[in-house]
PDB file of N, CA and C in Angstrom:
ATOM      1  N   MET A   1     104.453 143.874  74.285  1.00  0.00           N
ATOM      2  CA  MET A   1     105.309 141.734  74.032  1.00  0.00           C
ATOM      3  C   MET A   1     106.144 141.332  72.930  1.00  0.00           C
ATOM      4  N   ASP A   2     107.071 141.353  73.228  1.00  0.00           N
ATOM      5  CA  ASP A   2     107.508 140.392  71.857  1.00  0.00           C
ATOM      6  C   ASP A   2     107.807 139.169  73.199  1.00  0.00           C
ATOM      7  N   ILE A   3     107.935 137.905  71.682  1.00  0.00           N
ATOM      8  CA  ILE A   3     107.661 136.552  71.929  1.00  0.00           C
ATOM      9  C   ILE A   3     108.464 136.355  73.028  1.00  0.00           C
ATOM     10  N   SER A   4     109.572 136.853  73.112  1.00  0.00           N
ATOM     11  CA  SER A   4     109.944 135.682  74.085  1.00  0.00           C
ATOM     12  C   SER A   4     109.646 136.003  75.912  1.00  0.00           C
ATOM     13  N   SER A   5     109.761 137.094  75.648  1.00  0.00           N
ATOM     14  CA  SER A   5     108.917 137.458  76.732  1.00  0.00           C
ATOM     15  C   SER A   5     107.535 136.858  77.020  1.00  0.00           C
ATOM     16  N   VAL A   6     107.195 136.646  76.154  1.00  0.00           N
ATOM     17  CA  VAL A   6     105.765 135.098  76.461  1.00  0.00           C
ATOM     18  C   VAL A   6     106.199 133.768  76.773  1.00  0.00           C
ATOM     19  N   THR A   7     107.533 133.507  75.460  1.00  0.00           N
ATOM     20  CA  THR A   7     107.652 132.161  75.984  1.00  0.00           C
ATOM     21  C   THR A   7     108.422 132.254  77.830  1.00  0.00           C
ATOM     22  N   ALA A   8     108.630 133.185  77.656  1.00  0.00           N
ATOM     23  CA  ALA A   8     109.735 133.099  78.931  1.00  0.00           C
ATOM     24  C   ALA A   8     108.093 133.242  80.749  1.00  0.00           C
ATOM     25  N   SER A   9     107.267 134.090  80.087  1.00  0.00           N
ATOM     26  CA  SER A   9     106.049 133.497  81.037  1.00  0.00           C
ATOM     27  C   SER A   9     105.160 132.557  80.600  1.00  0.00           C
ATOM     28  N   SER A  10     104.767 131.757  80.420  1.00  0.00           N
ATOM     29  CA  SER A  10     104.594 130.790  79.758  1.00  0.00           C
ATOM     30  C   SER A  10     105.267 129.522  79.852  1.00  0.00           C
ATOM     31  N   GLN A  11     106.507 129.711  80.460  1.00  0.00           N
ATOM     32  CA  GLN A  11     107.298 128.878  81.062  1.00  0.00           C
ATOM     33  C   GLN A  11     107.175 128.732  82.281  1.00  0.00           C
ATOM     34  N   LEU A  12     107.415 129.981  83.091  1.00  0.00           N
ATOM     35  CA  LEU A  12     107.320 130.426  84.203  1.00  0.00           C
ATOM     36  C   LEU A  12     105.764 130.124  84.767  1.00  0.00           C
ATOM     37  N   LEU A  13     105.035 130.024  84.315  1.00  0.00           N
ATOM     38  CA  LEU A  13     103.456 129.736  84.561  1.00  0.00           C
ATOM     39  C   LEU A  13     103.462 127.588  84.091  1.00  0.00           C
ATOM     40  N   GLN A  14     104.208 127.547  83.525  1.00  0.00           N
ATOM     41  CA  GLN A  14     103.722 125.769  83.670  1.00  0.00           C
ATOM     42  C   GLN A  14     105.165 125.184  84.929  1.00  0.00           C
ATOM     43  N   SER A  15     106.217 125.892  85.072  1.00  0.00           N
ATOM     44  CA  SER A  15     106.687 125.296  85.794  1.00  0.00           C
ATOM     45  C   SER A  15     106.244 125.963  87.430  1.00  0.00           C
ATOM     46  N   SER A  16     105.481 126.448  87.940  1.00  0.00           N
ATOM     47  CA  SER A  16     104.930 127.148  89.003  1.00  0.00           C
ATOM     48  C   SER A  16     103.488 125.761  88.983  1.00  0.00           C
ATOM     49  N   GLN A  17     102.809 125.357  87.758  1.00  0.00           N
ATOM     50  CA  GLN A  17     102.049 124.694  88.055  1.00  0.00           C
ATOM     51  C   GLN A  17     102.500 123.514  88.220  1.00  0.00           C
ATOM     52  N   THR A  18     103.506 122.669  87.781  1.00  0.00           N
ATOM     53  CA  THR A  18     104.595 121.549  87.634  1.00  0.00           C
ATOM     54  C   THR A  18     104.689 121.418  89.395  1.00  0.00           C
ATOM     55  N   GLN A  19     104.919 122.845  90.026  1.00  0.00           N
ATOM     56  CA  GLN A  19     105.300 122.554  91.427  1.00  0.00           C
ATOM     57  C   GLN A  19     104.085 121.855  92.009  1.00  0.00           C
ATOM     58  N   GLN A  20     102.613 123.221  91.830  1.00  0.00           N
ATOM     59  CA  GLN A  20     101.881 122.676  92.528  1.00  0.00           C
ATOM     60  C   GLN A  20     101.200 121.667  92.478  1.00  0.00           C
ATOM     61  N   ALA A  21     100.878 120.948  91.373  1.00  0.00           N
ATOM     62  CA  ALA A  21     100.823 119.491  91.337  1.00  0.00           C
ATOM     63  C   ALA A  21     101.602 118.365  92.348  1.00  0.00           C
ATOM     64  N   LEU A  22     103.255 119.304  92.240  1.00  0.00           N
ATOM     65  CA  LEU A  22     103.814 117.411  93.191  1.00  0.00           C
ATOM     66  C   LEU A  22     103.240 118.224  94.459  1.00  0.00           C
ATOM     67  N   SER A  23     102.825 118.824  94.624  1.00  0.00           N
ATOM     68  CA  SER A  23     102.998 119.285  95.810  1.00  0.00           C
ATOM     69  C   SER A  23     101.440 118.457  96.702  1.00  0.00           C
ATOM     70  N   VAL A  24     100.565 118.591  95.963  1.00  0.00           N
ATOM     71  CA  VAL A  24      99.271 118.298  96.041  1.00  0.00           C
ATOM     72  C   VAL A  24      99.592 117.140  96.197  1.00  0.00           C
ATOM     73  N   SER A  25     100.391 116.673  94.939  1.00  0.00           N
ATOM     74  CA  SER A  25     100.468 114.873  95.300  1.00  0.00           C
ATOM     75  C   SER A  25     101.785 114.712  96.354  1.00  0.00           C
ATOM     76  N   MET A  26     102.197 115.074  96.399  1.00  0.00           N
ATOM     77  CA  MET A  26     103.112 114.931  97.817  1.00  0.00           C
ATOM     78  C   MET A  26     102.194 115.024  99.313  1.00  0.00           C
ATOM     79  N   VAL A  27     101.292 116.323  99.807  1.00  0.00           N
ATOM     80  CA  VAL A  27     100.012 116.207 100.519  1.00  0.00           C
ATOM     81  C   VAL A  27      99.523 115.063  99.911  1.00  0.00           C
ATOM     82  N   LYS A  28      99.502 114.484  99.279  1.00  0.00           N
ATOM     83  CA  LYS A  28      97.990 113.283  99.313  1.00  0.00           C
ATOM     84  C   LYS A  28      98.644 111.894  99.832  1.00  0.00           C
ATOM     85  N   GLN A  29     100.305 111.608  99.452  1.00  0.00           N
ATOM     86  CA  GLN A  29     101.291 110.585  99.834  1.00  0.00           C
ATOM     87  C   GLN A  29     101.066 110.645 101.132  1.00  0.00           C
ATOM     88  N   ALA A  30     101.307 111.870 101.106  1.00  0.00           N
ATOM     89  CA  ALA A  30     101.696 111.367 103.221  1.00  0.00           C
ATOM     90  C   ALA A  30     100.224 111.372 103.850  1.00  0.00           C
ATOM     91  N   ALA A  31      99.065 111.994 103.062  1.00  0.00           N
ATOM     92  CA  ALA A  31      97.736 111.544 103.436  1.00  0.00           C
ATOM     93  C   ALA A  31      97.213 109.900 103.884  1.00  0.00           C
ATOM     94  N   ASN A  32      97.816 109.414 102.463  1.00  0.00           N
ATOM     95  CA  ASN A  32      97.518 107.998 102.951  1.00  0.00           C
ATOM     96  C   ASN A  32      98.677 107.257 103.522  1.00  0.00           C
ATOM     97  N   ALA A  33      99.860 107.700 104.178  1.00  0.00           N
ATOM     98  CA  ALA A  33     100.316 106.904 104.804  1.00  0.00           C
ATOM     99  C   ALA A  33     100.106 107.237 106.048  1.00  0.00           C
ATOM    100  N   GLN A  34      99.630 108.417 106.038  1.00  0.00           N
ATOM    101  CA  GLN A  34      98.809 108.625 107.926  1.00  0.00           C
ATOM    102  C   GLN A  34      97.250 107.463 107.878  1.00  0.00           C
ATOM    103  N   ASN A  35      96.319 107.347 106.580  1.00  0.00           N
ATOM    104  CA  ASN A  35      95.515 106.509 106.753  1.00  0.00           C
ATOM    105  C   ASN A  35      95.965 104.956 106.753  1.00  0.00           C
ATOM    106  N   GLN A  36      96.505 105.263 106.236  1.00  0.00           N
ATOM    107  CA  GLN A  36      97.489 103.428 106.321  1.00  0.00           C
ATOM    108  C   GLN A  36      97.411 103.448 107.959  1.00  0.00           C
ATOM    109  N   VAL A  37      98.707 103.975 108.354  1.00  0.00           N
ATOM    110  CA  VAL A  37      99.438 104.021 109.582  1.00  0.00           C
ATOM    111  C   VAL A  37      97.439 103.460 110.939  1.00  0.00           C
ATOM    112  N   ALA A  38      96.875 104.627 110.783  1.00  0.00           N
ATOM    113  CA  ALA A  38      95.806 104.313 111.503  1.00  0.00           C
ATOM    114  C   ALA A  38      94.780 103.627 111.457  1.00  0.00           C
ATOM    115  N   ALA A  39      94.829 103.049 109.981  1.00  0.00           N
ATOM    116  CA  ALA A  39      93.852 101.975 109.535  1.00  0.00           C
ATOM    117  C   ALA A  39      94.850 101.023 110.629  1.00  0.00           C
ATOM    118  N   MET A  40      96.386 100.382 110.451  1.00  0.00           N
ATOM    119  CA  MET A  40      96.945  99.281 111.335  1.00  0.00           C
ATOM    120  C   MET A  40      96.278  99.034 112.572  1.00  0.00           C
ATOM    121  N   LEU A  41      96.759 100.763 113.452  1.00  0.00           N
ATOM    122  CA  LEU A  41      96.647 100.942 114.972  1.00  0.00           C
ATOM    123  C   LEU A  41      95.496 100.099 115.245  1.00  0.00           C
ATOM    124  N   ALA A  42      94.158 101.131 114.239  1.00  0.00           N
ATOM    125  CA  ALA A  42      93.021 100.428 114.842  1.00  0.00           C
ATOM    126  C   ALA A  42      92.853  99.337 114.194  1.00  0.00           C
ATOM    127  N   GLN A  43      93.215  97.915 113.690  1.00  0.00           N
ATOM    128  CA  GLN A  43      93.061  97.264 113.283  1.00  0.00           C
ATOM    129  C   GLN A  43      94.054  96.631 114.557  1.00  0.00           C
ATOM    130  N   ASN A  44      95.263  97.140 114.866  1.00  0.00           N
ATOM    131  CA  ASN A  44      96.075  95.650 116.066  1.00  0.00           C
ATOM    132  C   ASN A  44      95.479  95.661 117.300  1.00  0.00           C
ATOM    133  N   VAL A  45      94.353  97.703 117.964  1.00  0.00           N
ATOM    134  CA  VAL A  45      93.358  97.502 119.253  1.00  0.00           C
ATOM    135  C   VAL A  45      92.741  96.320 119.106  1.00  0.00           C
ATOM    136  N   LYS A  46      91.750  96.154 118.266  1.00  0.00           N
ATOM    137  CA  LYS A  46      91.047  95.003 118.052  1.00  0.00           C
ATOM    138  C   LYS A  46      91.416  93.920 118.064  1.00  0.00           C
ATOM    139  N   GLN A  47      92.292  93.401 117.363  1.00  0.00           N
ATOM    140  CA  GLN A  47      93.029  92.362 117.771  1.00  0.00           C
ATOM    141  C   GLN A  47      94.170  91.987 119.037  1.00  0.00           C
ATOM    142  N   GLY A  48      93.701  92.890 119.813  1.00  0.00           N
ATOM    143  CA  GLY A  48      94.834  92.587 121.200  1.00  0.00           C
ATOM    144  C   GLY A  48      94.260  92.174 122.117  1.00  0.00           C
ATOM    145  N   SER A  49      95.114  91.638 123.004  1.00  0.00           N
ATOM    146  CA  SER A  49      93.535  90.680 123.794  1.00  0.00           C
ATOM    147  C   SER A  49      93.845  91.682 125.002  1.00  0.00           C
ATOM    148  N   GLN A  50      92.893  91.276 125.850  1.00  0.00           N
ATOM    149  CA  GLN A  50      92.464  93.065 127.347  1.00  0.00           C
ATOM    150  C   GLN A  50      93.623  91.413 128.425  1.00  0.00           C
ATOM    151  N   PRO A  51      94.048  92.249 129.208  1.00  0.00           N
ATOM    152  CA  PRO A  51      94.810  92.032 130.179  1.00  0.00           C
ATOM    153  C   PRO A  51      93.717  90.913 130.860  1.00  0.00           C
ATOM    154  N   ALA A  52      93.951  89.784 131.833  1.00  0.00           N
ATOM    155  CA  ALA A  52      94.169  88.765 132.654  1.00  0.00           C
ATOM    156  C   ALA A  52      92.876  89.822 133.742  1.00  0.00           C
ATOM    157  N   GLN A  53      91.682  89.787 134.169  1.00  0.00           N
ATOM    158  CA  GLN A  53      91.824  90.022 135.836  1.00  0.00           C
ATOM    159  C   GLN A  53      92.392  89.293 136.495  1.00  0.00           C
ATOM    160  N   SER A  54      93.180  90.077 137.181  1.00  0.00           N
ATOM    161  CA  SER A  54      93.320  88.909 138.472  1.00  0.00           C
ATOM    162  C   SER A  54      93.790  90.530 140.194  1.00  0.00           C
ATOM    163  N   GLN A  55      93.350  89.855 140.694  1.00  0.00           N
ATOM    164  CA  GLN A  55      93.486  90.411 142.121  1.00  0.00           C
ATOM    165  C   GLN A  55      95.440  91.255 142.197  1.00  0.00           C
ATOM    166  N   ASP A  56      95.343  90.725 141.901  1.00  0.00           N
ATOM    167  CA  ASP A  56      97.394  90.941 142.374  1.00  0.00           C
ATOM    168  C   ASP A  56      97.899  92.233 141.573  1.00  0.00           C
ATOM    169  N   TYR A  57      96.764  92.857 140.219  1.00  0.00           N
ATOM    170  CA  TYR A  57      97.423  94.372 139.664  1.00  0.00           C
ATOM    171  C   TYR A  57      96.154  94.831 140.256  1.00  0.00           C
ATOM    172  N   GLY A  58      95.596  95.054 140.767  1.00  0.00           N
ATOM    173  CA  GLY A  58      94.483  95.217 141.220  1.00  0.00           C
ATOM    174  C   GLY A  58      95.130  96.943 142.701  1.00  0.00           C
ATOM    175  N   PHE A  59      94.799  97.342 142.369  1.00  0.00           N
ATOM    176  CA  PHE A  59      94.536  98.184 143.256  1.00  0.00           C
ATOM    177  C   PHE A  59      93.254  98.407 143.844  1.00  0.00           C
ATOM    178  N   SER A  60      92.888  99.120 145.547  1.00  0.00           N
ATOM    179  CA  SER A  60      91.546  99.722 146.373  1.00  0.00           C
ATOM    180  C   SER A  60      92.481 100.991 146.991  1.00  0.00           C
ATOM    181  N   THR A  61      91.174 102.027 147.541  1.00  0.00           N
ATOM    182  CA  THR A  61      90.858 102.582 146.919  1.00  0.00           C
ATOM    183  C   THR A  61      90.275 103.096 148.397  1.00  0.00           C
ATOM    184  N   MET A  62      89.813 101.518 149.023  1.00  0.00           N
ATOM    185  CA  MET A  62      89.240 101.637 150.785  1.00  0.00           C
ATOM    186  C   MET A  62      90.137 101.006 151.702  1.00  0.00           C
ATOM    187  N   VAL A  63      90.216 101.852 152.684  1.00  0.00           N
ATOM    188  CA  VAL A  63      91.029 101.681 153.446  1.00  0.00           C
ATOM    189  C   VAL A  63      90.823 100.200 154.355  1.00  0.00           C
TER     190      VAL A  63
END
């Protein structure tokens, strides 16, 4: 194996590892974004008010 083949193989491996690292980073960012959305939704659910209990909006199955 000559030096240019070794160099090319090394650069290809380095490029592949860089792409893998970027992919992992993108997955982590997506997971963080989803966690933030889930946290905001959970907070909104806790802060949301319950509808007023009123007979006007209820229904009955009794005849």
